[in-house]
Amino acid sequence: MIKSILFALVFTLINALSFWIIVKIAINKDWKSFNKLVFGSMVVRYFLTAGVVWVCLVNLELDKLAFSLTFLVSTFFLLMGEILLIHKKQKINND
């Protein structure tokens, strides 16, 4: 069970780290390029995440409930962090 929880947390943190890197790259660009980079990467990350979660649940011997709940909760909190990061960065750039 610990293996499932750790795997979900590490995967979610990698996903959040990739978002942070993309925002760092996109923040100094104009609004149109920023939107393309950030929201385009969200779509790509969404499909990659769905694929990795499917592979994990089907092929790896993980506790499905522990993995799913940990992934759900950690993804929720990290998505909220992503939203707040974008808001903060855009507010700083607009001032």
C-alpha atoms as a PDB file:
ATOM      1  CA  MET A   1       0.000   0.000   0.000  1.00  0.00           C
ATOM      2  CA  ILE A   2       2.846   2.418   0.794  1.00  0.00           C
ATOM      3  CA  LYS A   3       4.289   1.704  -2.646  1.00  0.00           C
ATOM      4  CA  SER A   4       0.994   2.758  -4.265  1.00  0.00           C
ATOM      5  CA  ILE A   5       0.789   5.960  -2.252  1.00  0.00           C
ATOM      6  CA  LEU A   6       4.398   6.931  -2.952  1.00  0.00           C
ATOM      7  CA  PHE A   7       4.077   6.152  -6.648  1.00  0.00           C
ATOM      8  CA  ALA A   8       0.970   8.368  -6.923  1.00  0.00           C
ATOM      9  CA  LEU A   9       2.642  11.213  -5.012  1.00  0.00           C
ATOM     10  CA  VAL A  10       5.840  11.071  -7.065  1.00  0.00           C
ATOM     11  CA  PHE A  11       3.902  10.976 -10.336  1.00  0.00           C
ATOM     12  CA  THR A  12       1.753  13.937  -9.285  1.00  0.00           C
ATOM     13  CA  LEU A  13       4.807  15.928  -8.208  1.00  0.00           C
ATOM     14  CA  ILE A  14       6.527  15.234 -11.549  1.00  0.00           C
ATOM     15  CA  ASN A  15       3.393  16.460 -13.303  1.00  0.00           C
ATOM     16  CA  ALA A  16       3.366  19.643 -11.190  1.00  0.00           C
ATOM     17  CA  LEU A  17       7.092  20.196 -11.758  1.00  0.00           C
ATOM     18  CA  SER A  18       6.591  19.994 -15.521  1.00  0.00           C
ATOM     19  CA  PHE A  19       3.839  22.603 -15.228  1.00  0.00           C
ATOM     20  CA  TRP A  20       6.082  24.888 -13.177  1.00  0.00           C
ATOM     21  CA  ILE A  21       8.841  24.652 -15.794  1.00  0.00           C
ATOM     22  CA  ILE A  22       6.387  25.468 -18.595  1.00  0.00           C
ATOM     23  CA  VAL A  23       5.048  28.490 -16.694  1.00  0.00           C
ATOM     24  CA  LYS A  24       8.610  29.727 -16.096  1.00  0.00           C
ATOM     25  CA  ILE A  25       9.211  29.546 -19.852  1.00  0.00           C
ATOM     26  CA  ALA A  26       5.863  31.076 -20.814  1.00  0.00           C
ATOM     27  CA  ILE A  27       5.584  33.867 -18.245  1.00  0.00           C
ATOM     28  CA  ASN A  28       7.773  36.334 -20.130  1.00  0.00           C
ATOM     29  CA  LYS A  29       5.994  35.835 -23.437  1.00  0.00           C
ATOM     30  CA  ASP A  30       3.013  37.769 -24.730  1.00  0.00           C
ATOM     31  CA  TRP A  31      -0.489  36.763 -23.638  1.00  0.00           C
ATOM     32  CA  LYS A  32      -1.291  34.737 -26.766  1.00  0.00           C
ATOM     33  CA  SER A  33       1.930  32.701 -26.596  1.00  0.00           C
ATOM     34  CA  PHE A  34       1.465  32.240 -22.852  1.00  0.00           C
ATOM     35  CA  ASN A  35      -2.008  30.790 -23.380  1.00  0.00           C
ATOM     36  CA  LYS A  36      -0.809  28.467 -26.124  1.00  0.00           C
ATOM     37  CA  LEU A  37       2.051  27.135 -24.038  1.00  0.00           C
ATOM     38  CA  VAL A  38       0.206  26.756 -20.744  1.00  0.00           C
ATOM     39  CA  PHE A  39      -3.120  25.439 -21.989  1.00  0.00           C
ATOM     40  CA  GLY A  40      -1.544  23.350 -24.734  1.00  0.00           C
ATOM     41  CA  SER A  41       0.704  21.724 -22.167  1.00  0.00           C
ATOM     42  CA  MET A  42      -2.325  21.085 -19.961  1.00  0.00           C
ATOM     43  CA  VAL A  43      -3.950  19.096 -22.742  1.00  0.00           C
ATOM     44  CA  VAL A  44      -0.776  17.125 -23.415  1.00  0.00           C
ATOM     45  CA  ARG A  45      -0.218  16.499 -19.697  1.00  0.00           C
ATOM     46  CA  TYR A  46      -3.844  15.400 -19.309  1.00  0.00           C
ATOM     47  CA  PHE A  47      -3.502  12.680 -21.957  1.00  0.00           C
ATOM     48  CA  LEU A  48      -0.074  11.603 -20.695  1.00  0.00           C
ATOM     49  CA  THR A  49      -1.433  11.421 -17.156  1.00  0.00           C
ATOM     50  CA  ALA A  50      -4.424   9.354 -18.252  1.00  0.00           C
ATOM     51  CA  GLY A  51      -2.107   6.957 -20.068  1.00  0.00           C
ATOM     52  CA  VAL A  52       0.313   6.597 -17.159  1.00  0.00           C
ATOM     53  CA  VAL A  53      -2.505   6.081 -14.648  1.00  0.00           C
ATOM     54  CA  TRP A  54      -4.049   3.434 -16.877  1.00  0.00           C
ATOM     55  CA  VAL A  55      -0.718   1.635 -17.246  1.00  0.00           C
ATOM     56  CA  CYS A  56      -0.156   1.808 -13.488  1.00  0.00           C
ATOM     57  CA  LEU A  57      -3.562   0.428 -12.632  1.00  0.00           C
ATOM     58  CA  VAL A  58      -3.522  -2.332 -15.252  1.00  0.00           C
ATOM     59  CA  ASN A  59       0.088  -3.499 -15.352  1.00  0.00           C
ATOM     60  CA  LEU A  60       1.677  -2.690 -12.002  1.00  0.00           C
ATOM     61  CA  GLU A  61       0.830  -4.501  -8.820  1.00  0.00           C
ATOM     62  CA  LEU A  62      -0.398  -1.470  -6.939  1.00  0.00           C
ATOM     63  CA  ASP A  63      -3.205  -1.169  -4.436  1.00  0.00           C
ATOM     64  CA  LYS A  64      -5.761   0.427  -6.736  1.00  0.00           C
ATOM     65  CA  LEU A  65      -7.749   2.190  -4.017  1.00  0.00           C
ATOM     66  CA  ALA A  66      -4.700   3.681  -2.298  1.00  0.00           C
ATOM     67  CA  PHE A  67      -3.173   4.770  -5.606  1.00  0.00           C
ATOM     68  CA  SER A  68      -6.428   6.269  -6.892  1.00  0.00           C
ATOM     69  CA  LEU A  69      -7.294   8.184  -3.730  1.00  0.00           C
ATOM     70  CA  THR A  70      -3.770   9.503  -3.283  1.00  0.00           C
ATOM     71  CA  PHE A  71      -3.617  10.522  -6.927  1.00  0.00           C
ATOM     72  CA  LEU A  72      -7.030  12.209  -6.728  1.00  0.00           C
ATOM     73  CA  VAL A  73      -6.288  14.213  -3.590  1.00  0.00           C
ATOM     74  CA  SER A  74      -2.739  15.199  -4.546  1.00  0.00           C
ATOM     75  CA  THR A  75      -3.806  16.175  -8.064  1.00  0.00           C
ATOM     76  CA  PHE A  76      -6.589  18.356  -6.653  1.00  0.00           C
ATOM     77  CA  PHE A  77      -4.257  20.254  -4.341  1.00  0.00           C
ATOM     78  CA  LEU A  78      -1.508  20.627  -6.922  1.00  0.00           C
ATOM     79  CA  LEU A  79      -4.001  21.871  -9.545  1.00  0.00           C
ATOM     80  CA  MET A  80      -5.142  24.499  -7.064  1.00  0.00           C
ATOM     81  CA  GLY A  81      -1.478  25.428  -6.645  1.00  0.00           C
ATOM     82  CA  GLU A  82      -1.081  25.677 -10.423  1.00  0.00           C
ATOM     83  CA  ILE A  83      -4.056  28.007 -10.665  1.00  0.00           C
ATOM     84  CA  LEU A  84      -2.728  30.203  -7.861  1.00  0.00           C
ATOM     85  CA  LEU A  85       0.741  30.268  -9.447  1.00  0.00           C
ATOM     86  CA  ILE A  86      -0.641  31.420 -12.806  1.00  0.00           C
ATOM     87  CA  HIS A  87      -2.760  34.060 -11.071  1.00  0.00           C
ATOM     88  CA  LYS A  88       0.199  35.329  -9.038  1.00  0.00           C
ATOM     89  CA  LYS A  89       2.565  35.434 -12.009  1.00  0.00           C
ATOM     90  CA  GLN A  90       0.055  37.217 -14.211  1.00  0.00           C
ATOM     91  CA  LYS A  91      -0.747  39.720 -11.465  1.00  0.00           C
ATOM     92  CA  ILE A  92       2.967  40.500 -11.021  1.00  0.00           C
ATOM     93  CA  ASN A  93       3.448  40.955 -14.785  1.00  0.00           C
ATOM     94  CA  ASN A  94       0.397  43.210 -15.127  1.00  0.00           C
ATOM     95  CA  ASP A  95       1.440  45.568 -12.298  1.00  0.00           C
END
